C-alpha atoms as a PDB file:
ATOM      1  CA  MET A   1     -35.797 102.908 163.000  1.00  0.00           C
ATOM      2  CA  TRP A   2     -34.886 105.469 160.286  1.00  0.00           C
ATOM      3  CA  GLU A   3     -34.244 107.995 163.284  1.00  0.00           C
ATOM      4  CA  SER A   4     -31.431 105.836 164.356  1.00  0.00           C
ATOM      5  CA  LEU A   5     -29.969 105.887 161.025  1.00  0.00           C
ATOM      6  CA  LYS A   6     -30.042 109.603 160.429  1.00  0.00           C
ATOM      7  CA  GLY A   7     -26.607 111.059 160.107  1.00  0.00           C
ATOM      8  CA  TYR A   8     -25.230 107.711 159.707  1.00  0.00           C
ATOM      9  CA  ILE A   9     -25.858 107.062 156.232  1.00  0.00           C
ATOM     10  CA  LYS A  10     -25.336 109.676 153.418  1.00  0.00           C
ATOM     11  CA  PRO A  11     -28.652 111.001 151.831  1.00  0.00           C
ATOM     12  CA  GLY A  12     -28.631 109.702 148.062  1.00  0.00           C
ATOM     13  CA  SER A  13     -25.996 107.113 148.712  1.00  0.00           C
ATOM     14  CA  GLU A  14     -26.081 103.370 147.718  1.00  0.00           C
ATOM     15  CA  GLU A  15     -26.383 102.689 151.409  1.00  0.00           C
ATOM     16  CA  GLU A  16     -29.661 104.811 151.617  1.00  0.00           C
ATOM     17  CA  ARG A  17     -31.081 102.998 148.746  1.00  0.00           C
ATOM     18  CA  LEU A  18     -30.378  99.639 150.235  1.00  0.00           C
ATOM     19  CA  VAL A  19     -31.808 100.664 153.585  1.00  0.00           C
ATOM     20  CA  ARG A  20     -34.916 101.810 151.688  1.00  0.00           C
ATOM     21  CA  GLU A  21     -35.409  98.091 150.511  1.00  0.00           C
ATOM     22  CA  ILE A  22     -35.185  96.856 153.968  1.00  0.00           C
ATOM     23  CA  ASP A  23     -38.578  95.911 155.647  1.00  0.00           C
ATOM     24  CA  MET A  24     -37.945  97.057 159.127  1.00  0.00           C
ATOM     25  CA  ALA A  25     -40.832  94.678 160.300  1.00  0.00           C
ATOM     26  CA  ARG A  26     -38.905  91.556 159.082  1.00  0.00           C
ATOM     27  CA  LEU A  27     -35.459  92.015 160.182  1.00  0.00           C
ATOM     28  CA  PRO A  28     -33.401  88.890 161.143  1.00  0.00           C
ATOM     29  CA  ARG A  29     -33.566  88.810 164.979  1.00  0.00           C
ATOM     30  CA  HIS A  30     -29.948  87.253 165.118  1.00  0.00           C
ATOM     31  CA  ILE A  31     -27.081  87.583 162.751  1.00  0.00           C
ATOM     32  CA  ALA A  32     -23.881  85.449 163.142  1.00  0.00           C
ATOM     33  CA  VAL A  33     -20.854  86.315 161.151  1.00  0.00           C
ATOM     34  CA  ILE A  34     -17.713  84.228 160.057  1.00  0.00           C
ATOM     35  CA  MET A  35     -15.112  86.989 159.812  1.00  0.00           C
ATOM     36  CA  ASP A  36     -12.706  85.559 157.257  1.00  0.00           C
ATOM     37  CA  GLY A  37     -10.014  87.104 155.026  1.00  0.00           C
ATOM     38  CA  ASN A  38      -7.810  89.016 157.623  1.00  0.00           C
ATOM     39  CA  GLY A  39      -4.584  87.289 156.508  1.00  0.00           C
ATOM     40  CA  ARG A  40      -5.301  87.487 152.842  1.00  0.00           C
ATOM     41  CA  TRP A  41      -6.036  91.268 153.176  1.00  0.00           C
ATOM     42  CA  ALA A  42      -2.658  91.774 154.662  1.00  0.00           C
ATOM     43  CA  ALA A  43      -0.938  89.629 152.090  1.00  0.00           C
ATOM     44  CA  ARG A  44      -2.194  91.529 149.230  1.00  0.00           C
ATOM     45  CA  ARG A  45      -0.784  94.659 150.770  1.00  0.00           C
ATOM     46  CA  GLY A  46       2.513  93.105 151.571  1.00  0.00           C
ATOM     47  CA  ARG A  47       1.847  93.681 155.247  1.00  0.00           C
ATOM     48  CA  ALA A  48       2.201  91.316 158.317  1.00  0.00           C
ATOM     49  CA  ARG A  49      -0.860  89.169 159.225  1.00  0.00           C
ATOM     50  CA  VAL A  50      -1.423  91.119 162.333  1.00  0.00           C
ATOM     51  CA  GLU A  51      -2.180  94.152 160.355  1.00  0.00           C
ATOM     52  CA  GLY A  52      -5.031  92.545 158.929  1.00  0.00           C
ATOM     53  CA  HIS A  53      -6.255  91.485 162.142  1.00  0.00           C
ATOM     54  CA  LYS A  54      -5.999  95.207 163.188  1.00  0.00           C
ATOM     55  CA  ALA A  55      -7.950  96.321 160.197  1.00  0.00           C
ATOM     56  CA  GLY A  56     -10.549  93.676 161.013  1.00  0.00           C
ATOM     57  CA  SER A  57     -11.140  95.435 164.330  1.00  0.00           C
ATOM     58  CA  GLU A  58     -12.751  98.341 162.754  1.00  0.00           C
ATOM     59  CA  SER A  59     -15.133  95.972 160.518  1.00  0.00           C
ATOM     60  CA  VAL A  60     -16.267  94.775 163.910  1.00  0.00           C
ATOM     61  CA  ARG A  61     -17.077  98.023 165.353  1.00  0.00           C
ATOM     62  CA  GLU A  62     -18.991  99.133 162.170  1.00  0.00           C
ATOM     63  CA  ALA A  63     -20.723  95.734 162.056  1.00  0.00           C
ATOM     64  CA  ALA A  64     -21.896  96.105 165.731  1.00  0.00           C
ATOM     65  CA  GLU A  65     -22.976  99.808 165.286  1.00  0.00           C
ATOM     66  CA  THR A  66     -24.887  99.030 162.155  1.00  0.00           C
ATOM     67  CA  CYS A  67     -26.629  96.106 163.597  1.00  0.00           C
ATOM     68  CA  ALA A  68     -27.594  98.106 166.749  1.00  0.00           C
ATOM     69  CA  ARG A  69     -29.008 101.022 164.583  1.00  0.00           C
ATOM     70  CA  LEU A  70     -30.894  98.586 162.485  1.00  0.00           C
ATOM     71  CA  GLY A  71     -32.575  96.940 165.419  1.00  0.00           C
ATOM     72  CA  ILE A  72     -30.846  93.541 165.301  1.00  0.00           C
ATOM     73  CA  SER A  73     -31.366  91.949 168.752  1.00  0.00           C
ATOM     74  CA  TYR A  74     -28.278  89.585 168.670  1.00  0.00           C
ATOM     75  CA  LEU A  75     -24.905  89.653 166.684  1.00  0.00           C
ATOM     76  CA  THR A  76     -22.471  86.623 167.269  1.00  0.00           C
ATOM     77  CA  LEU A  77     -18.981  86.990 165.908  1.00  0.00           C
ATOM     78  CA  TYR A  78     -16.741  84.012 165.359  1.00  0.00           C
ATOM     79  CA  ALA A  79     -13.597  85.692 166.688  1.00  0.00           C
ATOM     80  CA  PHE A  80     -11.223  82.726 167.706  1.00  0.00           C
ATOM     81  CA  SER A  81     -11.918  79.085 166.788  1.00  0.00           C
ATOM     82  CA  LYS A  82     -10.367  76.193 168.540  1.00  0.00           C
ATOM     83  CA  GLU A  83      -8.616  75.284 165.368  1.00  0.00           C
ATOM     84  CA  ASN A  84      -6.878  79.017 165.364  1.00  0.00           C
ATOM     85  CA  TRP A  85      -4.451  77.569 168.134  1.00  0.00           C
ATOM     86  CA  LYS A  86      -2.728  75.837 165.255  1.00  0.00           C
ATOM     87  CA  ARG A  87      -1.586  79.159 163.818  1.00  0.00           C
ATOM     88  CA  PRO A  88       2.210  80.387 164.366  1.00  0.00           C
ATOM     89  CA  ARG A  89       2.499  81.244 168.263  1.00  0.00           C
ATOM     90  CA  PRO A  90       3.411  84.876 167.661  1.00  0.00           C
ATOM     91  CA  GLU A  91       0.116  85.521 165.567  1.00  0.00           C
ATOM     92  CA  VAL A  92      -1.928  83.769 168.380  1.00  0.00           C
ATOM     93  CA  ILE A  93      -0.484  85.889 171.039  1.00  0.00           C
ATOM     94  CA  ARG A  94      -0.963  88.946 169.001  1.00  0.00           C
ATOM     95  CA  LEU A  95      -4.521  88.079 168.235  1.00  0.00           C
ATOM     96  CA  TRP A  96      -5.439  87.636 172.089  1.00  0.00           C
ATOM     97  CA  ARG A  97      -3.573  90.883 172.879  1.00  0.00           C
ATOM     98  CA  LEU A  98      -5.427  92.774 170.028  1.00  0.00           C
ATOM     99  CA  LEU A  99      -8.691  91.362 171.563  1.00  0.00           C
ATOM    100  CA  ARG A 100      -7.844  92.394 175.152  1.00  0.00           C
ATOM    101  CA  ASP A 101      -6.920  95.729 174.124  1.00  0.00           C
ATOM    102  CA  SER A 102     -10.100  96.264 172.046  1.00  0.00           C
ATOM    103  CA  LEU A 103     -12.299  95.319 175.015  1.00  0.00           C
ATOM    104  CA  LYS A 104     -10.451  97.923 177.215  1.00  0.00           C
ATOM    105  CA  THR A 105     -10.675 100.528 174.547  1.00  0.00           C
ATOM    106  CA  ASP A 106     -14.416  99.960 173.614  1.00  0.00           C
ATOM    107  CA  GLY A 107     -15.941  99.286 177.028  1.00  0.00           C
ATOM    108  CA  ARG A 108     -17.240 102.739 177.385  1.00  0.00           C
ATOM    109  CA  LEU A 109     -19.006 102.251 173.974  1.00  0.00           C
ATOM    110  CA  PHE A 110     -20.945  99.365 175.318  1.00  0.00           C
ATOM    111  CA  MET A 111     -22.307 101.517 178.047  1.00  0.00           C
ATOM    112  CA  GLU A 112     -23.070 104.526 176.005  1.00  0.00           C
ATOM    113  CA  ASN A 113     -24.903 102.561 173.403  1.00  0.00           C
ATOM    114  CA  ASN A 114     -26.587 100.110 175.761  1.00  0.00           C
ATOM    115  CA  LEU A 115     -24.925  97.151 174.350  1.00  0.00           C
ATOM    116  CA  ARG A 116     -24.436  93.953 176.380  1.00  0.00           C
ATOM    117  CA  LEU A 117     -21.559  91.678 175.906  1.00  0.00           C
ATOM    118  CA  THR A 118     -21.258  88.013 176.319  1.00  0.00           C
ATOM    119  CA  ALA A 119     -18.883  85.242 175.120  1.00  0.00           C
ATOM    120  CA  ILE A 120     -19.311  81.560 174.315  1.00  0.00           C
ATOM    121  CA  GLY A 121     -16.688  78.836 173.914  1.00  0.00           C
ATOM    122  CA  GLN A 122     -14.321  77.035 176.248  1.00  0.00           C
ATOM    123  CA  ARG A 123     -13.405  79.665 178.820  1.00  0.00           C
ATOM    124  CA  PRO A 124     -10.614  77.758 180.633  1.00  0.00           C
ATOM    125  CA  GLY A 125      -8.573  77.836 177.464  1.00  0.00           C
ATOM    126  CA  ILE A 126      -8.664  81.593 177.070  1.00  0.00           C
ATOM    127  CA  PRO A 127      -5.730  83.666 178.251  1.00  0.00           C
ATOM    128  CA  ARG A 128      -6.255  84.746 181.842  1.00  0.00           C
ATOM    129  CA  LEU A 129      -5.877  88.450 181.079  1.00  0.00           C
ATOM    130  CA  VAL A 130      -8.231  88.351 178.244  1.00  0.00           C
ATOM    131  CA  LEU A 131     -10.877  86.327 180.258  1.00  0.00           C
ATOM    132  CA  LYS A 132     -10.680  89.007 182.943  1.00  0.00           C
ATOM    133  CA  GLU A 133     -11.570  91.689 180.585  1.00  0.00           C
ATOM    134  CA  ILE A 134     -14.430  89.653 179.072  1.00  0.00           C
ATOM    135  CA  GLU A 135     -15.896  88.976 182.439  1.00  0.00           C
ATOM    136  CA  ARG A 136     -15.577  92.554 183.593  1.00  0.00           C
ATOM    137  CA  LEU A 137     -17.403  93.809 180.590  1.00  0.00           C
ATOM    138  CA  GLU A 138     -20.089  91.022 180.890  1.00  0.00           C
ATOM    139  CA  LYS A 139     -20.758  92.009 184.442  1.00  0.00           C
ATOM    140  CA  ALA A 140     -20.742  95.822 183.450  1.00  0.00           C
ATOM    141  CA  THR A 141     -23.145  95.299 180.787  1.00  0.00           C
ATOM    142  CA  GLU A 142     -25.417  92.589 181.846  1.00  0.00           C
ATOM    143  CA  ARG A 143     -28.436  94.897 182.199  1.00  0.00           C
ATOM    144  CA  ASN A 144     -27.811  96.620 178.753  1.00  0.00           C
ATOM    145  CA  SER A 145     -30.715  95.741 176.308  1.00  0.00           C
ATOM    146  CA  ARG A 146     -30.406  97.580 172.988  1.00  0.00           C
ATOM    147  CA  MET A 147     -28.437  94.506 171.450  1.00  0.00           C
ATOM    148  CA  THR A 148     -26.360  91.689 172.702  1.00  0.00           C
ATOM    149  CA  LEU A 149     -22.945  91.287 170.986  1.00  0.00           C
ATOM    150  CA  ILE A 150     -21.550  87.416 171.452  1.00  0.00           C
ATOM    151  CA  LEU A 151     -18.151  86.702 170.806  1.00  0.00           C
ATOM    152  CA  ALA A 152     -17.249  83.128 170.106  1.00  0.00           C
ATOM    153  CA  LEU A 153     -13.871  82.692 171.566  1.00  0.00           C
ATOM    154  CA  ASN A 154     -11.960  79.196 171.872  1.00  0.00           C
ATOM    155  CA  TYR A 155     -15.079  77.785 170.190  1.00  0.00           C
ATOM    156  CA  GLY A 156     -15.851  74.827 168.150  1.00  0.00           C
ATOM    157  CA  GLY A 157     -19.379  73.683 167.239  1.00  0.00           C
ATOM    158  CA  ARG A 158     -18.496  69.923 167.725  1.00  0.00           C
ATOM    159  CA  ALA A 159     -16.931  70.734 171.208  1.00  0.00           C
ATOM    160  CA  GLU A 160     -20.048  72.573 172.104  1.00  0.00           C
ATOM    161  CA  ILE A 161     -22.351  69.638 171.278  1.00  0.00           C
ATOM    162  CA  LEU A 162     -20.135  67.236 173.264  1.00  0.00           C
ATOM    163  CA  GLU A 163     -20.040  69.435 176.148  1.00  0.00           C
ATOM    164  CA  ALA A 164     -23.743  69.777 176.209  1.00  0.00           C
ATOM    165  CA  VAL A 165     -24.093  65.926 176.265  1.00  0.00           C
ATOM    166  CA  GLY A 166     -21.766  65.839 179.065  1.00  0.00           C
ATOM    167  CA  ARG A 167     -23.720  68.315 181.096  1.00  0.00           C
ATOM    168  CA  ILE A 168     -26.992  66.289 180.476  1.00  0.00           C
ATOM    169  CA  LEU A 169     -25.318  63.217 181.615  1.00  0.00           C
ATOM    170  CA  ARG A 170     -24.000  64.823 184.838  1.00  0.00           C
ATOM    171  CA  SER A 171     -27.141  66.556 185.589  1.00  0.00           C
ATOM    172  CA  ARG A 172     -28.876  63.214 186.099  1.00  0.00           C
ATOM    173  CA  THR A 173     -32.184  65.038 185.964  1.00  0.00           C
ATOM    174  CA  VAL A 174     -33.086  64.673 182.238  1.00  0.00           C
ATOM    175  CA  ARG A 175     -34.894  61.331 181.234  1.00  0.00           C
ATOM    176  CA  PRO A 176     -34.288  60.073 177.745  1.00  0.00           C
ATOM    177  CA  GLN A 177     -37.953  60.316 176.827  1.00  0.00           C
ATOM    178  CA  ASP A 178     -38.035  64.007 178.000  1.00  0.00           C
ATOM    179  CA  LEU A 179     -35.009  65.172 175.854  1.00  0.00           C
ATOM    180  CA  ASP A 180     -36.173  66.995 172.681  1.00  0.00           C
ATOM    181  CA  GLU A 181     -34.528  69.650 170.584  1.00  0.00           C
ATOM    182  CA  GLU A 182     -35.608  72.578 172.653  1.00  0.00           C
ATOM    183  CA  HIS A 183     -34.439  71.100 175.974  1.00  0.00           C
ATOM    184  CA  PHE A 184     -31.056  69.931 174.391  1.00  0.00           C
ATOM    185  CA  SER A 185     -30.663  73.660 173.078  1.00  0.00           C
ATOM    186  CA  GLY A 186     -30.775  74.913 176.711  1.00  0.00           C
ATOM    187  CA  PHE A 187     -27.350  72.910 177.599  1.00  0.00           C
ATOM    188  CA  LEU A 188     -25.533  74.530 174.698  1.00  0.00           C
ATOM    189  CA  TYR A 189     -23.394  77.620 175.217  1.00  0.00           C
ATOM    190  CA  THR A 190     -26.250  79.597 173.385  1.00  0.00           C
ATOM    191  CA  GLY A 191     -28.905  78.606 175.728  1.00  0.00           C
ATOM    192  CA  GLY A 192     -31.762  81.083 175.989  1.00  0.00           C
ATOM    193  CA  ILE A 193     -30.318  82.853 172.691  1.00  0.00           C
ATOM    194  CA  PRO A 194     -32.425  82.252 169.629  1.00  0.00           C
ATOM    195  CA  ASP A 195     -30.850  80.415 166.768  1.00  0.00           C
ATOM    196  CA  PRO A 196     -29.397  82.739 163.899  1.00  0.00           C
ATOM    197  CA  ASP A 197     -31.661  83.726 161.247  1.00  0.00           C
ATOM    198  CA  LEU A 198     -28.878  84.926 158.905  1.00  0.00           C
ATOM    199  CA  LEU A 199     -25.154  83.673 158.752  1.00  0.00           C
ATOM    200  CA  ILE A 200     -22.695  85.939 156.727  1.00  0.00           C
ATOM    201  CA  ARG A 201     -19.233  84.561 155.753  1.00  0.00           C
ATOM    202  CA  THR A 202     -16.819  86.884 154.259  1.00  0.00           C
ATOM    203  CA  SER A 203     -13.696  86.103 151.901  1.00  0.00           C
ATOM    204  CA  GLY A 204     -15.976  83.763 149.578  1.00  0.00           C
ATOM    205  CA  GLU A 205     -15.193  80.485 151.354  1.00  0.00           C
ATOM    206  CA  MET A 206     -18.114  77.984 151.026  1.00  0.00           C
ATOM    207  CA  ARG A 207     -17.995  76.316 154.442  1.00  0.00           C
ATOM    208  CA  VAL A 208     -19.346  76.909 157.991  1.00  0.00           C
ATOM    209  CA  SER A 209     -15.953  75.924 159.586  1.00  0.00           C
ATOM    210  CA  ASN A 210     -17.280  74.212 162.887  1.00  0.00           C
ATOM    211  CA  PHE A 211     -19.384  77.280 163.707  1.00  0.00           C
ATOM    212  CA  LEU A 212     -22.729  76.937 165.560  1.00  0.00           C
ATOM    213  CA  LEU A 213     -23.546  73.438 163.978  1.00  0.00           C
ATOM    214  CA  TRP A 214     -26.648  72.837 165.996  1.00  0.00           C
ATOM    215  CA  GLN A 215     -27.954  76.274 165.817  1.00  0.00           C
ATOM    216  CA  ILE A 216     -27.651  77.060 162.016  1.00  0.00           C
ATOM    217  CA  ALA A 217     -29.883  74.016 161.019  1.00  0.00           C
ATOM    218  CA  TYR A 218     -32.321  76.398 159.284  1.00  0.00           C
ATOM    219  CA  THR A 219     -30.207  79.582 159.079  1.00  0.00           C
ATOM    220  CA  GLU A 220     -29.920  81.428 155.813  1.00  0.00           C
ATOM    221  CA  LEU A 221     -26.552  81.781 154.315  1.00  0.00           C
ATOM    222  CA  TRP A 222     -25.025  84.745 152.788  1.00  0.00           C
ATOM    223  CA  ILE A 223     -21.510  84.448 151.297  1.00  0.00           C
ATOM    224  CA  THR A 224     -19.597  87.475 150.120  1.00  0.00           C
ATOM    225  CA  PRO A 225     -16.164  87.517 148.486  1.00  0.00           C
ATOM    226  CA  VAL A 226     -15.429  90.902 150.446  1.00  0.00           C
ATOM    227  CA  LEU A 227     -12.691  90.120 152.874  1.00  0.00           C
ATOM    228  CA  TRP A 228     -13.371  90.957 156.382  1.00  0.00           C
ATOM    229  CA  PRO A 229     -11.262  94.135 156.855  1.00  0.00           C
ATOM    230  CA  ASP A 230     -13.100  95.662 153.946  1.00  0.00           C
ATOM    231  CA  PHE A 231     -16.692  94.632 155.163  1.00  0.00           C
ATOM    232  CA  ARG A 232     -18.614  97.689 155.731  1.00  0.00           C
ATOM    233  CA  ARG A 233     -22.351  98.745 156.541  1.00  0.00           C
ATOM    234  CA  LYS A 234     -23.184  98.776 152.788  1.00  0.00           C
ATOM    235  CA  ASP A 235     -22.301  94.859 152.663  1.00  0.00           C
ATOM    236  CA  LEU A 236     -24.302  94.414 155.754  1.00  0.00           C
ATOM    237  CA  PHE A 237     -27.317  96.133 154.169  1.00  0.00           C
ATOM    238  CA  GLU A 238     -26.944  93.925 151.097  1.00  0.00           C
ATOM    239  CA  ALA A 239     -27.207  90.836 153.233  1.00  0.00           C
ATOM    240  CA  VAL A 240     -30.333  91.872 155.076  1.00  0.00           C
ATOM    241  CA  VAL A 241     -31.849  92.865 151.800  1.00  0.00           C
ATOM    242  CA  ASP A 242     -30.963  89.394 150.246  1.00  0.00           C
ATOM    243  CA  TYR A 243     -32.205  87.769 153.393  1.00  0.00           C
ATOM    244  CA  GLN A 244     -35.621  89.119 153.154  1.00  0.00           C
ATOM    245  CA  LYS A 245     -36.055  87.908 149.700  1.00  0.00           C
ATOM    246  CA  ARG A 246     -35.726  84.380 150.871  1.00  0.00           C
ATOM    247  CA  ASP A 247     -38.573  81.893 151.350  1.00  0.00           C
ATOM    248  CA  ARG A 248     -38.031  80.401 154.869  1.00  0.00           C
ATOM    249  CA  ARG A 249     -40.087  77.390 155.189  1.00  0.00           C
ATOM    250  CA  PHE A 250     -38.333  75.410 157.995  1.00  0.00           C
ATOM    251  CA  GLY A 251     -39.070  72.037 156.128  1.00  0.00           C
ATOM    252  CA  ASP A 252     -42.746  73.015 155.565  1.00  0.00           C
ATOM    253  CA  VAL A 253     -44.408  73.819 152.289  1.00  0.00           C
ATOM    254  CA  GLN A 254     -45.454  77.276 153.364  1.00  0.00           C
ATOM    255  CA  SER A 255     -43.401  80.072 154.422  1.00  0.00           C
ATOM    256  CA  ARG A 256     -43.307  81.170 158.191  1.00  0.00           C
END
């Protein structure tokens, strides 16, 4: 793993010190991130909110590259919630346009770095041109295997659970006595994807904001006051170091 980080972190830096604390044999398999603070970042600089979202795009790229270099298998980013539609219409339009432009620009990077893209959420509500780019990249990267980047778009945790119940009822193939947690998980947007081991939330807010409500039952939480546009690989290394200090018992009396 050190080979993939060579030239990426500066020798003798704080980043190198943190990486040396990481046990590469006990990495979280799946990291999820609530990317919060773009608006506050822009406000503190007297800029329009959209400038915060643009700055946050660079943090997305760095987080994805850092996770891939570390050897993380899955990275889920909470990119647009169902509640985000309540924001001013011009901001919403710019958010979707920024995402579409980023997908067009970064598409080549997915192929060059063997990354797979997938999206979860209510697709019928996603703007047509954005959905077209998402589906194009999903198809182009479906055989890539280094890391899966999951974008939660038009997503809500409660809506996901309700949709899963609806699919179960419509399937008419599941008997109540056969329905267990594992079977139910297969009906979620994330069916086949392991639950997050680590959830990172930026900006210091102490809530999960309707994100992966079923999946984070035993996920370790790491809250940082850093606003998302300022989030860099050092912060991610800190989160992983802290995660590895946790005693994960999953309700048992012994660690697993």
